[in-house]
Amino acid sequence: MRGEVLTFEVATGEGAIAGDDGVRYGFAASDLRGATSIERGQRVDFVPGADGRAQDIIAMRPAYVPASSGGAGSGQFDFGRVISRTFNAIKQNAAICFGASALLVGVPSMLTAFGGASFMTGAAESSSPSVVGGVVAYLVGIVLYLIGAFMLQGMVVKAAVGGFNGKRVTFGEAFGVGVQYFLPLLGLAIVAGIATGFAYILLIVPGVLLSIIWSVSAAALVMEKRGVFESLQRSRDLTRGYRWQVFGLLVIYVILSWIVGGAIAGLGVATGGSFTNGSPNLAFNLITQPLVNILSSVVASAGVASLYYELRTAKEGAGVDNLAGIFD
């Protein structure tokens, strides 16, 4: 969120910000990042708190100065702010994030779960129709899932960026962006996936490094209307100097995924399956697999948008003004 400082008293360390969303936010000197004081009328970027107070406040540069021209941003990458902004973006755009994810990711996930269970049941009972039907359902579900996942990326980026700049985004506007950038995002995923896959096969370290270097390429493609290879290069430039921080974020995401996966496996055992070769519980899979995919897709997409915004802030100036008009 962005806004303008209304008041700030050095003696008390308290102040107020008029957010671009029309809401007045209080703040304290301890909420400032990279400064101990701030002037009235200063444009700022901040994270709205649930209690109506502004947090993680950064003073914005007077104007955007490209890094290639010798300009520089605050140089400060705030690990906590990326996480906070990610979940704030999801909260502020919950209808778009979860509605789109349920439609574009959840439904295909149910189809793959049904196909997988039908295949395993047919194989166990030596039923050819069930095996064939299961394979077809599974493959169709995978195709629809891939299409939906790329559309969801564009939609969540649209909604998240709108929120960062104090703008409300409708489902229709977000859906239009998802459709518009589906093919470029698909091409980006193919190129990055093949390159990263080979890197993992050859040696795990290069694979992890490429994942970090290209972590915000999708956001760069959508936000800056770049081509596939331009977006990969842009992501490489933005992550340079902050790759350990990006690696830390990826580790947190992987650990959370493991925790969720372990919990789901435990529930599977409790409903009659096993960790290895137990019979599948169709009802259980039809609920849990789509739910996990919906949650992970939303968090991953919003996280990429938040990470991209933070990197732009650190390298090129806080809350860069040209982000506001990207989708106008």
C-alpha atoms as a PDB file:
ATOM      1  CA  MET A   1       0.000   0.000   0.000  1.00  0.00           C
ATOM      2  CA  ARG A   2       1.129   3.563  -0.636  1.00  0.00           C
ATOM      3  CA  GLY A   3       0.124   6.843   0.943  1.00  0.00           C
ATOM      4  CA  GLU A   4       1.205  10.259   2.207  1.00  0.00           C
ATOM      5  CA  VAL A   5       2.394  11.271   5.664  1.00  0.00           C
ATOM      6  CA  LEU A   6      -0.125  13.591   7.332  1.00  0.00           C
ATOM      7  CA  THR A   7       1.632  14.188  10.630  1.00  0.00           C
ATOM      8  CA  PHE A   8       4.688  13.023  12.544  1.00  0.00           C
ATOM      9  CA  GLU A   9       5.753  14.257  15.990  1.00  0.00           C
ATOM     10  CA  VAL A  10       9.401  13.590  16.752  1.00  0.00           C
ATOM     11  CA  ALA A  11       8.825  14.090  20.478  1.00  0.00           C
ATOM     12  CA  THR A  12       6.203  11.351  20.741  1.00  0.00           C
ATOM     13  CA  GLY A  13       7.330   9.246  17.797  1.00  0.00           C
ATOM     14  CA  GLU A  14       3.726   9.000  16.572  1.00  0.00           C
ATOM     15  CA  GLY A  15       2.237   9.986  13.240  1.00  0.00           C
ATOM     16  CA  ALA A  16      -0.504   9.360  10.687  1.00  0.00           C
ATOM     17  CA  ILE A  17      -0.612   8.369   7.018  1.00  0.00           C
ATOM     18  CA  ALA A  18      -3.398   8.950   4.488  1.00  0.00           C
ATOM     19  CA  GLY A  19      -3.487   5.717   2.482  1.00  0.00           C
ATOM     20  CA  ASP A  20      -4.268   5.751  -1.226  1.00  0.00           C
ATOM     21  CA  ASP A  21      -7.281   3.597  -0.328  1.00  0.00           C
ATOM     22  CA  GLY A  22      -8.809   6.559   1.547  1.00  0.00           C
ATOM     23  CA  VAL A  23      -8.101   5.122   5.007  1.00  0.00           C
ATOM     24  CA  ARG A  24      -6.113   6.936   7.708  1.00  0.00           C
ATOM     25  CA  TYR A  25      -3.383   4.814   9.336  1.00  0.00           C
ATOM     26  CA  GLY A  26      -1.509   5.566  12.539  1.00  0.00           C
ATOM     27  CA  PHE A  27       2.151   4.641  12.943  1.00  0.00           C
ATOM     28  CA  ALA A  28       5.094   4.879  15.318  1.00  0.00           C
ATOM     29  CA  ALA A  29       8.761   5.705  14.687  1.00  0.00           C
ATOM     30  CA  SER A  30       9.575   2.025  15.257  1.00  0.00           C
ATOM     31  CA  ASP A  31       7.558   1.202  12.120  1.00  0.00           C
ATOM     32  CA  LEU A  32       9.931   3.204   9.890  1.00  0.00           C
ATOM     33  CA  ARG A  33      12.468   1.259   7.859  1.00  0.00           C
ATOM     34  CA  GLY A  34      15.806   2.857   6.993  1.00  0.00           C
ATOM     35  CA  ALA A  35      14.994   6.117   8.828  1.00  0.00           C
ATOM     36  CA  THR A  36      14.249   7.395  12.334  1.00  0.00           C
ATOM     37  CA  SER A  37      12.143  10.352  11.232  1.00  0.00           C
ATOM     38  CA  ILE A  38       9.936  11.352   8.322  1.00  0.00           C
ATOM     39  CA  GLU A  39       8.468  14.610   7.029  1.00  0.00           C
ATOM     40  CA  ARG A  40       4.888  15.661   6.456  1.00  0.00           C
ATOM     41  CA  GLY A  41       3.834  15.225   2.818  1.00  0.00           C
ATOM     42  CA  GLN A  42       6.370  12.444   2.196  1.00  0.00           C
ATOM     43  CA  ARG A  43       5.092   9.631  -0.031  1.00  0.00           C
ATOM     44  CA  VAL A  44       5.573   6.239   1.604  1.00  0.00           C
ATOM     45  CA  ASP A  45       5.104   2.537   0.941  1.00  0.00           C
ATOM     46  CA  PHE A  46       3.769   0.461   3.866  1.00  0.00           C
ATOM     47  CA  VAL A  47       1.952  -2.685   4.943  1.00  0.00           C
ATOM     48  CA  PRO A  48      -1.535  -2.048   6.425  1.00  0.00           C
ATOM     49  CA  GLY A  49      -1.963  -3.745   9.778  1.00  0.00           C
ATOM     50  CA  ALA A  50      -5.131  -5.430  10.994  1.00  0.00           C
ATOM     51  CA  ASP A  51      -5.433  -2.832  13.777  1.00  0.00           C
ATOM     52  CA  GLY A  52      -5.541   0.114  11.370  1.00  0.00           C
ATOM     53  CA  ARG A  53      -1.882   0.990  11.812  1.00  0.00           C
ATOM     54  CA  ALA A  54       0.836   1.169   9.157  1.00  0.00           C
ATOM     55  CA  GLN A  55       3.814  -1.182   9.405  1.00  0.00           C
ATOM     56  CA  ASP A  56       7.137  -1.575   7.588  1.00  0.00           C
ATOM     57  CA  ILE A  57       7.077   2.004   6.284  1.00  0.00           C
ATOM     58  CA  ILE A  58       9.587   3.016   3.609  1.00  0.00           C
ATOM     59  CA  ALA A  59      10.007   6.582   2.331  1.00  0.00           C
ATOM     60  CA  MET A  60       9.545   6.637  -1.429  1.00  0.00           C
ATOM     61  CA  ARG A  61      11.997   8.245  -3.769  1.00  0.00           C
ATOM     62  CA  PRO A  62      10.802  11.478  -5.376  1.00  0.00           C
ATOM     63  CA  ALA A  63      10.952   9.865  -8.804  1.00  0.00           C
ATOM     64  CA  TYR A  64      11.815   6.599 -10.419  1.00  0.00           C
ATOM     65  CA  VAL A  65      15.444   6.350 -11.518  1.00  0.00           C
ATOM     66  CA  PRO A  66      16.391   3.259 -13.560  1.00  0.00           C
ATOM     67  CA  ALA A  67      19.290   1.260 -12.156  1.00  0.00           C
ATOM     68  CA  SER A  68      20.937   1.278 -15.580  1.00  0.00           C
ATOM     69  CA  SER A  69      21.173   5.070 -15.330  1.00  0.00           C
ATOM     70  CA  GLY A  70      23.137   4.935 -12.121  1.00  0.00           C
ATOM     71  CA  GLY A  71      20.111   5.272  -9.840  1.00  0.00           C
ATOM     72  CA  ALA A  72      19.715   3.120  -6.768  1.00  0.00           C
ATOM     73  CA  GLY A  73      16.985   2.161  -4.379  1.00  0.00           C
ATOM     74  CA  SER A  74      17.038   1.819  -0.616  1.00  0.00           C
ATOM     75  CA  GLY A  75      19.287  -1.255  -0.869  1.00  0.00           C
ATOM     76  CA  GLN A  76      17.291  -2.840   1.948  1.00  0.00           C
ATOM     77  CA  PHE A  77      15.592  -6.183   1.412  1.00  0.00           C
ATOM     78  CA  ASP A  78      13.129  -6.867   4.220  1.00  0.00           C
ATOM     79  CA  PHE A  79      12.528 -10.605   4.540  1.00  0.00           C
ATOM     80  CA  GLY A  80       9.556 -10.193   6.852  1.00  0.00           C
ATOM     81  CA  ARG A  81       7.919  -7.565   4.679  1.00  0.00           C
ATOM     82  CA  VAL A  82       7.819  -9.932   1.693  1.00  0.00           C
ATOM     83  CA  ILE A  83       5.985 -12.545   3.737  1.00  0.00           C
ATOM     84  CA  SER A  84       3.670  -9.973   5.307  1.00  0.00           C
ATOM     85  CA  ARG A  85       2.873  -8.358   1.961  1.00  0.00           C
ATOM     86  CA  THR A  86       2.198 -11.791   0.433  1.00  0.00           C
ATOM     87  CA  PHE A  87      -0.514 -12.687   2.915  1.00  0.00           C
ATOM     88  CA  ASN A  88      -1.920  -9.149   2.956  1.00  0.00           C
ATOM     89  CA  ALA A  89      -2.299  -9.334  -0.834  1.00  0.00           C
ATOM     90  CA  ILE A  90      -4.141 -12.651  -0.485  1.00  0.00           C
ATOM     91  CA  LYS A  91      -6.389 -11.248   2.260  1.00  0.00           C
ATOM     92  CA  GLN A  92      -7.232  -8.089   0.311  1.00  0.00           C
ATOM     93  CA  ASN A  93      -7.994 -10.067  -2.869  1.00  0.00           C
ATOM     94  CA  ALA A  94      -9.364 -13.251  -1.318  1.00  0.00           C
ATOM     95  CA  ALA A  95     -12.337 -13.516  -3.679  1.00  0.00           C
ATOM     96  CA  ILE A  96     -10.125 -13.286  -6.764  1.00  0.00           C
ATOM     97  CA  CYS A  97      -7.305 -15.457  -5.424  1.00  0.00           C
ATOM     98  CA  PHE A  98      -9.374 -18.318  -4.059  1.00  0.00           C
ATOM     99  CA  GLY A  99     -12.241 -18.046  -6.541  1.00  0.00           C
ATOM    100  CA  ALA A 100      -9.884 -18.210  -9.517  1.00  0.00           C
ATOM    101  CA  SER A 101      -7.739 -20.899  -7.914  1.00  0.00           C
ATOM    102  CA  ALA A 102     -10.775 -23.072  -7.115  1.00  0.00           C
ATOM    103  CA  LEU A 103     -11.940 -22.835 -10.726  1.00  0.00           C
ATOM    104  CA  LEU A 104      -8.600 -23.015 -12.540  1.00  0.00           C
ATOM    105  CA  VAL A 105      -6.646 -25.305 -10.203  1.00  0.00           C
ATOM    106  CA  GLY A 106      -9.157 -26.994  -7.899  1.00  0.00           C
ATOM    107  CA  VAL A 107     -11.435 -28.482 -10.563  1.00  0.00           C
ATOM    108  CA  PRO A 108      -8.565 -29.974 -12.634  1.00  0.00           C
ATOM    109  CA  SER A 109      -7.047 -31.322  -9.407  1.00  0.00           C
ATOM    110  CA  MET A 110     -10.281 -33.154  -8.644  1.00  0.00           C
ATOM    111  CA  LEU A 111     -10.183 -34.670 -12.126  1.00  0.00           C
ATOM    112  CA  THR A 112      -6.591 -35.902 -11.668  1.00  0.00           C
ATOM    113  CA  ALA A 113      -7.446 -37.303  -8.228  1.00  0.00           C
ATOM    114  CA  PHE A 114     -10.443 -39.145  -9.678  1.00  0.00           C
ATOM    115  CA  GLY A 115      -8.392 -40.432 -12.628  1.00  0.00           C
ATOM    116  CA  GLY A 116      -5.567 -41.632 -10.410  1.00  0.00           C
ATOM    117  CA  ALA A 117      -7.934 -43.447  -8.059  1.00  0.00           C
ATOM    118  CA  SER A 118      -9.827 -45.030 -10.987  1.00  0.00           C
ATOM    119  CA  PHE A 119      -6.572 -46.236 -12.527  1.00  0.00           C
ATOM    120  CA  MET A 120      -5.361 -47.828  -9.275  1.00  0.00           C
ATOM    121  CA  THR A 121      -8.749 -49.448  -8.616  1.00  0.00           C
ATOM    122  CA  GLY A 122      -8.977 -50.780 -12.175  1.00  0.00           C
ATOM    123  CA  ALA A 123      -5.442 -52.155 -12.036  1.00  0.00           C
ATOM    124  CA  ALA A 124      -6.162 -53.903  -8.728  1.00  0.00           C
ATOM    125  CA  GLU A 125      -9.368 -55.451 -10.126  1.00  0.00           C
ATOM    126  CA  SER A 126      -7.925 -56.145 -13.627  1.00  0.00           C
ATOM    127  CA  SER A 127     -10.613 -53.932 -15.171  1.00  0.00           C
ATOM    128  CA  SER A 128      -9.440 -52.493 -18.498  1.00  0.00           C
ATOM    129  CA  PRO A 129     -12.264 -49.884 -18.859  1.00  0.00           C
ATOM    130  CA  SER A 130     -11.459 -48.450 -15.438  1.00  0.00           C
ATOM    131  CA  VAL A 131      -7.741 -48.323 -16.237  1.00  0.00           C
ATOM    132  CA  VAL A 132      -8.280 -46.582 -19.590  1.00  0.00           C
ATOM    133  CA  GLY A 133     -10.861 -44.188 -18.146  1.00  0.00           C
ATOM    134  CA  GLY A 134      -8.560 -43.375 -15.248  1.00  0.00           C
ATOM    135  CA  VAL A 135      -5.627 -42.598 -17.532  1.00  0.00           C
ATOM    136  CA  VAL A 136      -7.758 -40.340 -19.775  1.00  0.00           C
ATOM    137  CA  ALA A 137      -9.240 -38.461 -16.813  1.00  0.00           C
ATOM    138  CA  TYR A 138      -5.799 -38.038 -15.265  1.00  0.00           C
ATOM    139  CA  LEU A 139      -4.197 -36.686 -18.462  1.00  0.00           C
ATOM    140  CA  VAL A 140      -7.076 -34.293 -19.152  1.00  0.00           C
ATOM    141  CA  GLY A 141      -6.836 -33.078 -15.565  1.00  0.00           C
ATOM    142  CA  ILE A 142      -3.090 -32.449 -15.921  1.00  0.00           C
ATOM    143  CA  VAL A 143      -3.578 -30.411 -19.107  1.00  0.00           C
ATOM    144  CA  LEU A 144      -6.354 -28.320 -17.560  1.00  0.00           C
ATOM    145  CA  TYR A 145      -4.273 -27.858 -14.412  1.00  0.00           C
ATOM    146  CA  LEU A 146      -1.310 -26.492 -16.391  1.00  0.00           C
ATOM    147  CA  ILE A 147      -3.559 -24.098 -18.311  1.00  0.00           C
ATOM    148  CA  GLY A 148      -5.242 -22.949 -15.116  1.00  0.00           C
ATOM    149  CA  ALA A 149      -2.000 -22.524 -13.182  1.00  0.00           C
ATOM    150  CA  PHE A 150      -0.536 -20.123 -15.767  1.00  0.00           C
ATOM    151  CA  MET A 151      -3.765 -18.117 -15.994  1.00  0.00           C
ATOM    152  CA  LEU A 152      -3.871 -17.942 -12.192  1.00  0.00           C
ATOM    153  CA  GLN A 153      -0.368 -16.472 -12.096  1.00  0.00           C
ATOM    154  CA  GLY A 154      -1.405 -13.563 -14.287  1.00  0.00           C
ATOM    155  CA  MET A 155      -4.618 -12.993 -12.330  1.00  0.00           C
ATOM    156  CA  VAL A 156      -2.983 -12.997  -8.889  1.00  0.00           C
ATOM    157  CA  VAL A 157      -0.156 -10.738 -10.063  1.00  0.00           C
ATOM    158  CA  LYS A 158      -2.740  -8.295 -11.418  1.00  0.00           C
ATOM    159  CA  ALA A 159      -4.693  -8.323  -8.153  1.00  0.00           C
ATOM    160  CA  ALA A 160      -1.592  -8.123  -5.945  1.00  0.00           C
ATOM    161  CA  VAL A 161      -0.039  -5.202  -7.823  1.00  0.00           C
ATOM    162  CA  GLY A 162      -3.354  -3.374  -7.745  1.00  0.00           C
ATOM    163  CA  GLY A 163      -3.453  -3.837  -3.976  1.00  0.00           C
ATOM    164  CA  PHE A 164       0.130  -2.648  -3.541  1.00  0.00           C
ATOM    165  CA  ASN A 165      -0.869   0.566  -5.291  1.00  0.00           C
ATOM    166  CA  GLY A 166      -4.148   1.051  -3.420  1.00  0.00           C
ATOM    167  CA  LYS A 167      -6.404  -0.034  -6.293  1.00  0.00           C
ATOM    168  CA  ARG A 168      -9.263  -2.501  -6.275  1.00  0.00           C
ATOM    169  CA  VAL A 169      -9.216  -5.042  -9.080  1.00  0.00           C
ATOM    170  CA  THR A 170     -12.354  -6.807 -10.265  1.00  0.00           C
ATOM    171  CA  PHE A 171     -12.474 -10.496 -11.099  1.00  0.00           C
ATOM    172  CA  GLY A 172     -13.140  -9.639 -14.743  1.00  0.00           C
ATOM    173  CA  GLU A 173     -10.076  -7.376 -14.967  1.00  0.00           C
ATOM    174  CA  ALA A 174      -7.882 -10.032 -13.375  1.00  0.00           C
ATOM    175  CA  PHE A 175      -9.292 -12.750 -15.622  1.00  0.00           C
ATOM    176  CA  GLY A 176      -8.539 -10.636 -18.699  1.00  0.00           C
ATOM    177  CA  VAL A 177      -4.887 -10.397 -17.660  1.00  0.00           C
ATOM    178  CA  GLY A 178      -4.782 -14.151 -17.047  1.00  0.00           C
ATOM    179  CA  VAL A 179      -6.027 -14.830 -20.568  1.00  0.00           C
ATOM    180  CA  GLN A 180      -3.758 -12.181 -22.108  1.00  0.00           C
ATOM    181  CA  TYR A 181      -0.554 -13.518 -20.563  1.00  0.00           C
ATOM    182  CA  PHE A 182      -1.336 -17.244 -20.638  1.00  0.00           C
ATOM    183  CA  LEU A 183       0.752 -18.082 -23.730  1.00  0.00           C
ATOM    184  CA  PRO A 184       3.795 -15.950 -22.753  1.00  0.00           C
ATOM    185  CA  LEU A 185       3.748 -17.460 -19.251  1.00  0.00           C
ATOM    186  CA  LEU A 186       3.458 -20.947 -20.743  1.00  0.00           C
ATOM    187  CA  GLY A 187       6.459 -20.270 -22.983  1.00  0.00           C
ATOM    188  CA  LEU A 188       8.406 -18.920 -20.016  1.00  0.00           C
ATOM    189  CA  ALA A 189       7.584 -22.030 -17.971  1.00  0.00           C
ATOM    190  CA  ILE A 190       8.708 -24.334 -20.780  1.00  0.00           C
ATOM    191  CA  VAL A 191      12.036 -22.569 -21.286  1.00  0.00           C
ATOM    192  CA  ALA A 192      12.794 -22.187 -17.580  1.00  0.00           C
ATOM    193  CA  GLY A 193      11.547 -25.699 -16.794  1.00  0.00           C
ATOM    194  CA  ILE A 194      13.734 -27.400 -19.399  1.00  0.00           C
ATOM    195  CA  ALA A 195      16.844 -25.416 -18.409  1.00  0.00           C
ATOM    196  CA  THR A 196      16.291 -25.915 -14.678  1.00  0.00           C
ATOM    197  CA  GLY A 197      15.494 -29.605 -15.183  1.00  0.00           C
ATOM    198  CA  PHE A 198      18.779 -30.234 -16.974  1.00  0.00           C
ATOM    199  CA  ALA A 199      20.611 -28.289 -14.271  1.00  0.00           C
ATOM    200  CA  TYR A 200      19.072 -30.475 -11.546  1.00  0.00           C
ATOM    201  CA  ILE A 201      19.992 -33.631 -13.464  1.00  0.00           C
ATOM    202  CA  LEU A 202      23.608 -32.550 -13.907  1.00  0.00           C
ATOM    203  CA  LEU A 203      24.091 -31.216 -10.404  1.00  0.00           C
ATOM    204  CA  ILE A 204      21.611 -30.063  -7.768  1.00  0.00           C
ATOM    205  CA  VAL A 205      23.361 -26.758  -6.937  1.00  0.00           C
ATOM    206  CA  PRO A 206      23.015 -25.235 -10.439  1.00  0.00           C
ATOM    207  CA  GLY A 207      19.360 -26.269 -10.462  1.00  0.00           C
ATOM    208  CA  VAL A 208      18.662 -24.475  -7.179  1.00  0.00           C
ATOM    209  CA  LEU A 209      20.624 -21.441  -8.365  1.00  0.00           C
ATOM    210  CA  LEU A 210      18.595 -21.170 -11.579  1.00  0.00           C
ATOM    211  CA  SER A 211      15.373 -21.472  -9.581  1.00  0.00           C
ATOM    212  CA  ILE A 212      16.498 -18.516  -7.466  1.00  0.00           C
ATOM    213  CA  ILE A 213      17.792 -16.439 -10.384  1.00  0.00           C
ATOM    214  CA  TRP A 214      14.555 -16.848 -12.368  1.00  0.00           C
ATOM    215  CA  SER A 215      12.189 -16.686  -9.373  1.00  0.00           C
ATOM    216  CA  VAL A 216      10.525 -13.394 -10.420  1.00  0.00           C
ATOM    217  CA  SER A 217      10.636 -13.872 -14.197  1.00  0.00           C
ATOM    218  CA  ALA A 218       6.862 -14.479 -14.383  1.00  0.00           C
ATOM    219  CA  ALA A 219       6.138 -11.250 -12.514  1.00  0.00           C
ATOM    220  CA  ALA A 220       8.561  -9.331 -14.742  1.00  0.00           C
ATOM    221  CA  LEU A 221       6.849 -10.728 -17.842  1.00  0.00           C
ATOM    222  CA  VAL A 222       3.380  -9.673 -16.691  1.00  0.00           C
ATOM    223  CA  MET A 223       4.245  -6.383 -15.012  1.00  0.00           C
ATOM    224  CA  GLU A 224       6.705  -5.045 -17.570  1.00  0.00           C
ATOM    225  CA  LYS A 225       5.251  -6.667 -20.688  1.00  0.00           C
ATOM    226  CA  ARG A 226       8.587  -8.251 -21.583  1.00  0.00           C
ATOM    227  CA  GLY A 227       9.336 -11.251 -23.762  1.00  0.00           C
ATOM    228  CA  VAL A 228      10.278 -14.664 -22.406  1.00  0.00           C
ATOM    229  CA  PHE A 229      14.059 -14.283 -22.560  1.00  0.00           C
ATOM    230  CA  GLU A 230      13.917 -10.622 -21.546  1.00  0.00           C
ATOM    231  CA  SER A 231      11.949 -11.635 -18.451  1.00  0.00           C
ATOM    232  CA  LEU A 232      14.533 -14.273 -17.523  1.00  0.00           C
ATOM    233  CA  GLN A 233      17.305 -11.686 -17.839  1.00  0.00           C
ATOM    234  CA  ARG A 234      15.284  -9.130 -15.882  1.00  0.00           C
ATOM    235  CA  SER A 235      14.790 -11.618 -13.047  1.00  0.00           C
ATOM    236  CA  ARG A 236      18.517 -12.355 -13.066  1.00  0.00           C
ATOM    237  CA  ASP A 237      19.285  -8.645 -12.698  1.00  0.00           C
ATOM    238  CA  LEU A 238      16.740  -8.064  -9.941  1.00  0.00           C
ATOM    239  CA  THR A 239      17.834 -11.017  -7.800  1.00  0.00           C
ATOM    240  CA  ARG A 240      21.532 -10.183  -8.086  1.00  0.00           C
ATOM    241  CA  GLY A 241      22.780  -9.237  -4.609  1.00  0.00           C
ATOM    242  CA  TYR A 242      19.722 -10.683  -2.841  1.00  0.00           C
ATOM    243  CA  ARG A 243      19.880 -14.359  -3.762  1.00  0.00           C
ATOM    244  CA  TRP A 244      20.521 -15.612  -0.248  1.00  0.00           C
ATOM    245  CA  GLN A 245      17.354 -13.831   0.880  1.00  0.00           C
ATOM    246  CA  VAL A 246      15.397 -15.348  -2.016  1.00  0.00           C
ATOM    247  CA  PHE A 247      16.841 -18.763  -1.171  1.00  0.00           C
ATOM    248  CA  GLY A 248      15.634 -18.342   2.409  1.00  0.00           C
ATOM    249  CA  LEU A 249      12.097 -17.612   1.196  1.00  0.00           C
ATOM    250  CA  LEU A 250      12.147 -20.699  -1.038  1.00  0.00           C
ATOM    251  CA  VAL A 251      13.331 -22.846   1.883  1.00  0.00           C
ATOM    252  CA  ILE A 252      10.438 -21.616   4.030  1.00  0.00           C
ATOM    253  CA  TYR A 253       7.973 -22.409   1.242  1.00  0.00           C
ATOM    254  CA  VAL A 254       9.402 -25.914   0.770  1.00  0.00           C
ATOM    255  CA  ILE A 255       9.283 -26.630   4.513  1.00  0.00           C
ATOM    256  CA  LEU A 256       5.660 -25.484   4.696  1.00  0.00           C
ATOM    257  CA  SER A 257       4.849 -27.728   1.729  1.00  0.00           C
ATOM    258  CA  TRP A 258       6.455 -30.681   3.507  1.00  0.00           C
ATOM    259  CA  ILE A 259       4.460 -29.972   6.662  1.00  0.00           C
ATOM    260  CA  VAL A 260       1.188 -29.796   4.727  1.00  0.00           C
ATOM    261  CA  GLY A 261       2.086 -32.925   2.734  1.00  0.00           C
ATOM    262  CA  GLY A 262       2.938 -34.824   5.909  1.00  0.00           C
ATOM    263  CA  ALA A 263      -0.328 -33.786   7.532  1.00  0.00           C
ATOM    264  CA  ILE A 264      -2.284 -34.905   4.465  1.00  0.00           C
ATOM    265  CA  ALA A 265      -0.452 -38.260   4.417  1.00  0.00           C
ATOM    266  CA  GLY A 266      -1.303 -38.732   8.084  1.00  0.00           C
ATOM    267  CA  LEU A 267      -4.963 -38.083   7.391  1.00  0.00           C
ATOM    268  CA  GLY A 268      -4.792 -40.594   4.539  1.00  0.00           C
ATOM    269  CA  VAL A 269      -3.575 -43.275   6.937  1.00  0.00           C
ATOM    270  CA  ALA A 270      -6.350 -42.389   9.382  1.00  0.00           C
ATOM    271  CA  THR A 271      -8.963 -42.878   6.641  1.00  0.00           C
ATOM    272  CA  GLY A 272      -7.824 -46.343   5.631  1.00  0.00           C
ATOM    273  CA  GLY A 273      -4.802 -45.881   3.371  1.00  0.00           C
ATOM    274  CA  SER A 274      -1.099 -46.153   4.115  1.00  0.00           C
ATOM    275  CA  PHE A 275       2.057 -44.207   3.403  1.00  0.00           C
ATOM    276  CA  THR A 276       3.202 -46.794   0.851  1.00  0.00           C
ATOM    277  CA  ASN A 277       0.787 -49.253  -0.728  1.00  0.00           C
ATOM    278  CA  GLY A 278      -2.595 -48.815   0.911  1.00  0.00           C
ATOM    279  CA  SER A 279      -5.751 -48.551  -1.163  1.00  0.00           C
ATOM    280  CA  PRO A 280      -6.650 -45.006  -2.178  1.00  0.00           C
ATOM    281  CA  ASN A 281      -9.488 -43.211  -0.438  1.00  0.00           C
ATOM    282  CA  LEU A 282     -11.288 -41.468  -3.316  1.00  0.00           C
ATOM    283  CA  ALA A 283     -13.465 -39.189  -1.189  1.00  0.00           C
ATOM    284  CA  PHE A 284     -10.430 -38.096   0.802  1.00  0.00           C
ATOM    285  CA  ASN A 285      -8.337 -37.405  -2.310  1.00  0.00           C
ATOM    286  CA  LEU A 286     -11.128 -35.480  -4.031  1.00  0.00           C
ATOM    287  CA  ILE A 287     -11.163 -33.058  -1.085  1.00  0.00           C
ATOM    288  CA  THR A 288      -7.564 -32.789   0.044  1.00  0.00           C
ATOM    289  CA  GLN A 289      -5.630 -32.807  -3.232  1.00  0.00           C
ATOM    290  CA  PRO A 290      -7.537 -29.848  -4.743  1.00  0.00           C
ATOM    291  CA  LEU A 291      -7.410 -27.987  -1.421  1.00  0.00           C
ATOM    292  CA  VAL A 292      -3.634 -28.328  -1.131  1.00  0.00           C
ATOM    293  CA  ASN A 293      -3.129 -27.294  -4.758  1.00  0.00           C
ATOM    294  CA  ILE A 294      -5.435 -24.286  -4.377  1.00  0.00           C
ATOM    295  CA  LEU A 295      -3.616 -23.010  -1.291  1.00  0.00           C
ATOM    296  CA  SER A 296      -0.119 -23.604  -2.661  1.00  0.00           C
ATOM    297  CA  SER A 297      -0.938 -21.981  -6.014  1.00  0.00           C
ATOM    298  CA  VAL A 298      -2.345 -18.844  -4.401  1.00  0.00           C
ATOM    299  CA  VAL A 299       0.550 -18.441  -1.961  1.00  0.00           C
ATOM    300  CA  ALA A 300       3.168 -19.095  -4.660  1.00  0.00           C
ATOM    301  CA  SER A 301       1.641 -16.586  -7.103  1.00  0.00           C
ATOM    302  CA  ALA A 302       1.155 -13.856  -4.494  1.00  0.00           C
ATOM    303  CA  GLY A 303       4.626 -14.567  -3.113  1.00  0.00           C
ATOM    304  CA  VAL A 304       6.252 -14.050  -6.504  1.00  0.00           C
ATOM    305  CA  ALA A 305       4.444 -10.708  -6.938  1.00  0.00           C
ATOM    306  CA  SER A 306       5.479  -9.586  -3.441  1.00  0.00           C
ATOM    307  CA  LEU A 307       9.090 -10.681  -3.953  1.00  0.00           C
ATOM    308  CA  TYR A 308       9.254  -8.838  -7.271  1.00  0.00           C
ATOM    309  CA  TYR A 309       7.864  -5.680  -5.671  1.00  0.00           C
ATOM    310  CA  GLU A 310      10.395  -5.893  -2.831  1.00  0.00           C
ATOM    311  CA  LEU A 311      13.312  -6.364  -5.212  1.00  0.00           C
ATOM    312  CA  ARG A 312      12.208  -3.353  -7.255  1.00  0.00           C
ATOM    313  CA  THR A 313      11.923  -1.391  -4.023  1.00  0.00           C
ATOM    314  CA  ALA A 314      15.414  -2.350  -2.861  1.00  0.00           C
ATOM    315  CA  LYS A 315      17.189  -1.851  -6.178  1.00  0.00           C
ATOM    316  CA  GLU A 316      15.318   0.973  -7.880  1.00  0.00           C
ATOM    317  CA  GLY A 317      13.481   2.984  -5.257  1.00  0.00           C
ATOM    318  CA  ALA A 318      10.655   2.266  -2.856  1.00  0.00           C
ATOM    319  CA  GLY A 319       7.196   1.918  -4.329  1.00  0.00           C
ATOM    320  CA  VAL A 320       8.361   2.885  -7.804  1.00  0.00           C
ATOM    321  CA  ASP A 321       5.782   5.152  -9.379  1.00  0.00           C
ATOM    322  CA  ASN A 322       5.657   3.399 -12.727  1.00  0.00           C
ATOM    323  CA  LEU A 323       4.239   0.270 -11.096  1.00  0.00           C
ATOM    324  CA  ALA A 324       0.969   2.118 -10.523  1.00  0.00           C
ATOM    325  CA  GLY A 325       0.114   2.481 -14.193  1.00  0.00           C
ATOM    326  CA  ILE A 326       1.243  -0.886 -15.507  1.00  0.00           C
ATOM    327  CA  PHE A 327      -2.267  -2.241 -16.019  1.00  0.00           C
ATOM    328  CA  ASP A 328      -4.033   1.076 -16.724  1.00  0.00           C
END
